[in-house]
Amino acid sequence: MSSNQKYTPEELESLREAIGLLEKYKISDVYGDISGTLQKVLDFIEISSGMESGETYDFISPEKVPHVKGSEHLAGIIKAIKSKTALRLYYQPFYEEKPYFTDVHPYLLKEYKSRWYMIGLNDFKDQLRTYALDRIRDLQESDLEYKQKSFNASAYFKNSIGIISPPGEPPIIKIAVQKTQAQYIITQAWHESQNIETENDDEVVFSYKLHPTYEFNSLLLSYGKDVRVLEPKSLKELIKEQLEEMMGYYK
């Protein structure tokens, strides 16, 4: 870790006081619990207070948060949601080579893995869609009349992980996790519906009530041989097919 700027004791104390003030508002109706973010700033202050100007510490390696574009659209989208105004986006999805224009009635801003997303009603398809803010090339107010629909963010994402929420009732998913990895999942639950079904000397069986979205399936696969799907059969077969396809890459 290196620092090009040495903060004076007075400046560091001022930063501590500012953090203390923000701590009073760490539970926010708008942003939720930001205590983790505040803790990172406090960690930075404590590290900086022990460093001399130009000094480097190669025994400190903090996690780097990637800089993602799109934050410049936050104010415009918030304004549109509050004023119930439709937006015209010049948008380029990850899977398209060229951007296109689309009209959206915005309902929600959601952050996921350091990237901002907007959930809104696509005017042409009359369906809810998710748009990554860093893929918006231009954003303007639309002349269309705003379509107000009943939308509850908590209910919409209750049965999913990530930024995609399929319709319908989610299945009960059961997975068996090797005991050596199970503690990580116990201490940092994947989902609010997580429950321990059974436990023995070798593994822990967890259950979830959620949709097996791409994000959830990727999470399963990231644990490799330490996780196996028990139910439902459809998810078990899907993971099996993906693993067989992956094995084909190495034959």
Protein backbone atom coordinates (compact mmCIF):
# COMPACT_ATOMS: atom_id res chain seq x y z
CA MET A 1 0.00 0.00 0.00
CA SER A 2 1.31 3.45 -0.83
CA SER A 3 0.19 6.99 -0.16
CA ASN A 4 1.24 10.12 -2.02
CA GLN A 5 -0.32 12.42 0.54
CA LYS A 6 0.39 12.66 4.26
CA TYR A 7 -2.55 13.83 6.33
CA THR A 8 -1.87 15.97 9.38
CA PRO A 9 -3.18 14.82 12.78
CA GLU A 10 -5.72 17.66 12.61
CA GLU A 11 -6.98 16.53 9.19
CA LEU A 12 -7.28 12.93 10.34
CA GLU A 13 -9.21 14.02 13.43
CA SER A 14 -11.56 16.05 11.24
CA LEU A 15 -12.15 12.94 9.11
CA ARG A 16 -12.94 10.94 12.25
CA GLU A 17 -15.44 13.57 13.35
CA ALA A 18 -17.08 13.51 9.91
CA ILE A 19 -17.37 9.72 10.07
CA GLY A 20 -18.89 9.99 13.54
CA LEU A 21 -21.53 12.33 12.16
CA LEU A 22 -22.30 9.98 9.27
CA GLU A 23 -22.57 7.05 11.71
CA LYS A 24 -25.69 8.69 13.15
CA TYR A 25 -27.35 8.26 9.78
CA LYS A 26 -25.89 4.88 8.79
CA ILE A 27 -29.35 3.30 8.68
CA SER A 28 -31.01 5.23 5.89
CA ASP A 29 -34.37 4.74 4.18
CA VAL A 30 -32.63 5.58 0.92
CA TYR A 31 -29.33 3.76 1.09
CA GLY A 32 -29.77 1.13 3.78
CA ASP A 33 -26.93 0.15 6.09
CA ILE A 34 -23.77 1.96 4.97
CA SER A 35 -21.74 0.98 8.04
CA GLY A 36 -19.49 -1.24 5.92
CA THR A 37 -18.54 1.68 3.70
CA LEU A 38 -17.91 3.89 6.71
CA GLN A 39 -15.71 1.20 8.24
CA LYS A 40 -13.50 1.16 5.13
CA VAL A 41 -12.99 4.92 5.51
CA LEU A 42 -12.15 4.46 9.19
CA ASP A 43 -9.65 1.75 8.28
CA PHE A 44 -8.04 4.14 5.80
CA ILE A 45 -7.77 6.83 8.49
CA GLU A 46 -6.13 4.45 10.97
CA ILE A 47 -3.63 3.23 8.37
CA SER A 48 -2.85 6.77 7.20
CA SER A 49 -2.30 7.98 10.75
CA GLY A 50 0.64 5.58 11.12
CA MET A 51 2.33 6.38 7.81
CA GLU A 52 5.07 8.86 7.12
CA SER A 53 5.09 10.98 3.96
CA GLY A 54 6.19 8.89 0.98
CA GLU A 55 6.28 5.70 3.04
CA THR A 56 4.98 2.46 1.55
CA TYR A 57 3.56 -0.56 3.36
CA ASP A 58 3.89 -3.76 1.37
CA PHE A 59 2.27 -5.77 4.20
CA ILE A 60 -1.12 -4.06 3.79
CA SER A 61 -3.23 -5.09 0.81
CA PRO A 62 -6.79 -3.68 0.89
CA GLU A 63 -9.49 -4.82 -1.49
CA LYS A 64 -9.84 -2.46 -4.41
CA VAL A 65 -13.35 -1.43 -5.45
CA PRO A 66 -13.53 -1.08 -9.24
CA HIS A 67 -14.55 2.27 -10.66
CA VAL A 68 -17.70 1.81 -12.71
CA LYS A 69 -19.14 4.52 -14.91
CA GLY A 70 -22.79 5.51 -14.86
CA SER A 71 -23.02 7.43 -11.60
CA GLU A 72 -23.45 10.64 -13.61
CA HIS A 73 -26.98 9.42 -14.47
CA LEU A 74 -28.09 8.96 -10.85
CA ALA A 75 -29.38 12.51 -10.34
CA GLY A 76 -31.37 12.49 -13.59
CA ILE A 77 -32.99 9.14 -12.84
CA ILE A 78 -33.83 10.11 -9.24
CA LYS A 79 -35.45 13.29 -10.54
CA ALA A 80 -37.47 11.31 -13.08
CA ILE A 81 -38.70 8.80 -10.48
CA LYS A 82 -39.72 11.54 -8.06
CA SER A 83 -41.46 13.63 -10.72
CA LYS A 84 -42.95 10.57 -12.48
CA THR A 85 -41.32 11.35 -15.80
CA ALA A 86 -40.56 8.84 -18.56
CA LEU A 87 -37.01 8.66 -19.88
CA ARG A 88 -35.55 8.09 -23.34
CA LEU A 89 -32.36 6.06 -23.16
CA TYR A 90 -29.65 5.58 -25.73
CA TYR A 91 -28.67 2.18 -24.41
CA GLN A 92 -26.11 -0.46 -25.31
CA PRO A 93 -26.58 -3.86 -23.64
CA PHE A 94 -23.58 -6.09 -22.99
CA TYR A 95 -24.78 -8.51 -25.67
CA GLU A 96 -25.36 -5.91 -28.43
CA GLU A 97 -22.75 -4.37 -30.73
CA LYS A 98 -24.58 -1.08 -31.20
CA PRO A 99 -26.71 1.05 -28.86
CA TYR A 100 -30.39 1.75 -29.51
CA PHE A 101 -33.09 4.15 -28.30
CA THR A 102 -35.74 2.96 -25.86
CA ASP A 103 -38.35 4.63 -23.66
CA VAL A 104 -38.54 3.60 -20.02
CA HIS A 105 -40.76 4.50 -17.07
CA PRO A 106 -38.29 4.35 -14.15
CA TYR A 107 -39.30 2.85 -10.79
CA LEU A 108 -36.16 1.93 -8.87
CA LEU A 109 -32.39 2.39 -8.59
CA LYS A 110 -30.53 -0.66 -7.26
CA GLU A 111 -26.85 -1.22 -6.55
CA TYR A 112 -25.36 -4.68 -6.97
CA LYS A 113 -21.66 -5.57 -6.81
CA SER A 114 -20.51 -1.94 -7.12
CA ARG A 115 -22.66 -1.34 -10.22
CA TRP A 116 -25.88 0.71 -10.40
CA TYR A 117 -29.01 -0.50 -12.18
CA MET A 118 -32.37 1.07 -13.02
CA ILE A 119 -35.52 -1.04 -13.01
CA GLY A 120 -38.34 0.34 -15.08
CA LEU A 121 -41.19 -0.42 -17.45
CA ASN A 122 -40.10 -0.76 -21.06
CA ASP A 123 -42.74 1.26 -22.93
CA PHE A 124 -42.65 -0.79 -26.14
CA LYS A 125 -42.74 -4.26 -24.53
CA ASP A 126 -44.82 -3.16 -21.53
CA GLN A 127 -42.57 -5.29 -19.30
CA LEU A 128 -40.22 -4.57 -16.42
CA ARG A 129 -36.61 -4.41 -17.53
CA THR A 130 -33.27 -3.85 -15.81
CA TYR A 131 -30.75 -1.35 -17.21
CA ALA A 132 -27.12 -1.01 -16.14
CA LEU A 133 -26.29 2.67 -15.73
CA ASP A 134 -22.78 2.25 -17.15
CA ARG A 135 -24.38 1.01 -20.40
CA ILE A 136 -26.45 4.18 -20.83
CA ARG A 137 -24.85 6.31 -23.54
CA ASP A 138 -27.34 9.17 -23.22
CA LEU A 139 -30.38 9.94 -21.10
CA GLN A 140 -33.11 12.51 -21.75
CA GLU A 141 -36.65 13.16 -20.54
CA SER A 142 -39.29 11.60 -22.78
CA ASP A 143 -42.52 13.23 -24.01
CA LEU A 144 -44.46 10.05 -23.22
CA GLU A 145 -46.99 10.10 -20.41
CA TYR A 146 -45.57 8.35 -17.36
CA LYS A 147 -47.05 4.91 -16.69
CA GLN A 148 -47.54 4.38 -12.98
CA LYS A 149 -47.71 0.74 -11.96
CA SER A 150 -47.78 -0.89 -8.56
CA PHE A 151 -44.14 -1.68 -7.83
CA ASN A 152 -42.67 -2.78 -4.51
CA ALA A 153 -38.89 -3.14 -4.60
CA SER A 154 -38.69 -5.41 -1.53
CA ALA A 155 -41.36 -7.75 -2.90
CA TYR A 156 -39.89 -7.69 -6.42
CA PHE A 157 -36.43 -8.89 -5.29
CA LYS A 158 -37.55 -10.98 -2.34
CA ASN A 159 -37.10 -14.31 -4.14
CA SER A 160 -33.93 -13.68 -6.13
CA ILE A 161 -30.23 -12.92 -5.88
CA GLY A 162 -28.83 -10.18 -8.09
CA ILE A 163 -30.69 -7.79 -10.36
CA ILE A 164 -33.00 -10.15 -12.26
CA SER A 165 -36.28 -11.30 -10.69
CA PRO A 166 -38.28 -13.88 -12.69
CA PRO A 167 -42.05 -13.94 -12.23
CA GLY A 168 -43.96 -16.69 -10.45
CA GLU A 169 -43.50 -18.68 -7.27
CA PRO A 170 -39.87 -19.68 -6.60
CA PRO A 171 -38.91 -23.31 -5.92
CA ILE A 172 -37.35 -24.69 -2.76
CA ILE A 173 -33.65 -25.24 -3.46
CA LYS A 174 -31.56 -27.61 -1.34
CA ILE A 175 -27.78 -27.84 -1.54
CA ALA A 176 -25.21 -29.90 0.36
CA VAL A 177 -22.03 -28.05 1.31
CA GLN A 178 -18.81 -29.55 2.58
CA LYS A 179 -18.26 -28.73 6.26
CA THR A 180 -15.04 -26.84 5.51
CA GLN A 181 -16.94 -24.35 3.33
CA ALA A 182 -20.28 -24.32 5.14
CA GLN A 183 -19.10 -21.89 7.81
CA TYR A 184 -18.54 -19.20 5.19
CA ILE A 185 -22.16 -19.54 4.08
CA ILE A 186 -23.45 -19.64 7.66
CA THR A 187 -21.66 -16.42 8.63
CA GLN A 188 -22.54 -14.66 5.36
CA ALA A 189 -25.91 -15.96 4.24
CA TRP A 190 -26.57 -16.04 0.51
CA HIS A 191 -30.22 -15.09 0.90
CA GLU A 192 -32.69 -14.16 3.64
CA SER A 193 -34.55 -17.46 3.12
CA GLN A 194 -31.43 -19.49 3.92
CA ASN A 195 -32.06 -22.26 6.41
CA ILE A 196 -30.02 -25.20 7.74
CA GLU A 197 -31.93 -28.42 7.10
CA THR A 198 -29.49 -31.06 8.36
CA GLU A 199 -25.88 -31.29 9.45
CA ASN A 200 -23.38 -34.08 9.99
CA ASP A 201 -19.60 -34.47 10.29
CA ASP A 202 -19.07 -34.09 6.54
CA GLU A 203 -21.59 -31.58 5.22
CA VAL A 204 -24.39 -29.12 5.89
CA VAL A 205 -27.63 -29.08 3.88
CA PHE A 206 -29.03 -25.60 3.24
CA SER A 207 -32.43 -24.73 1.82
CA TYR A 208 -33.54 -21.59 -0.02
CA LYS A 209 -36.77 -20.29 -1.44
CA LEU A 210 -35.67 -18.39 -4.51
CA HIS A 211 -35.40 -18.39 -8.28
CA PRO A 212 -32.29 -20.12 -9.71
CA THR A 213 -31.11 -17.05 -11.60
CA TYR A 214 -27.80 -16.72 -13.42
CA GLU A 215 -26.27 -15.02 -10.36
CA PHE A 216 -27.34 -17.85 -8.03
CA ASN A 217 -26.15 -20.57 -10.39
CA SER A 218 -22.79 -18.81 -10.77
CA LEU A 219 -22.53 -18.74 -6.99
CA LEU A 220 -23.14 -22.48 -6.86
CA LEU A 221 -20.51 -23.19 -9.50
CA SER A 222 -17.96 -20.94 -7.79
CA TYR A 223 -17.76 -23.45 -4.91
CA GLY A 224 -16.76 -26.27 -7.24
CA LYS A 225 -16.74 -29.76 -5.73
CA ASP A 226 -17.67 -28.43 -2.28
CA VAL A 227 -21.31 -27.83 -3.24
CA ARG A 228 -23.82 -30.18 -4.82
CA VAL A 229 -27.46 -29.52 -5.69
CA LEU A 230 -30.03 -31.84 -4.15
CA GLU A 231 -33.31 -30.20 -5.22
CA PRO A 232 -35.05 -29.37 -7.47
CA LYS A 233 -34.25 -31.92 -10.13
CA SER A 234 -34.42 -29.29 -12.90
CA LEU A 235 -31.64 -27.23 -11.29
CA LYS A 236 -29.60 -30.35 -10.60
CA GLU A 237 -29.80 -31.29 -14.30
CA LEU A 238 -28.95 -27.74 -15.40
CA ILE A 239 -25.80 -27.60 -13.25
CA LYS A 240 -24.85 -31.08 -14.47
CA GLU A 241 -25.18 -29.97 -18.10
CA GLN A 242 -23.08 -26.89 -17.49
CA LEU A 243 -20.36 -28.93 -15.77
CA GLU A 244 -20.33 -31.47 -18.62
CA GLU A 245 -19.98 -28.62 -21.11
CA MET A 246 -17.12 -27.19 -19.08
CA MET A 247 -15.41 -30.59 -18.99
CA GLY A 248 -15.63 -30.69 -22.76
CA TYR A 249 -13.34 -27.66 -22.91
CA TYR A 250 -10.52 -29.71 -21.36
CA LYS A 251 -10.81 -32.93 -23.38
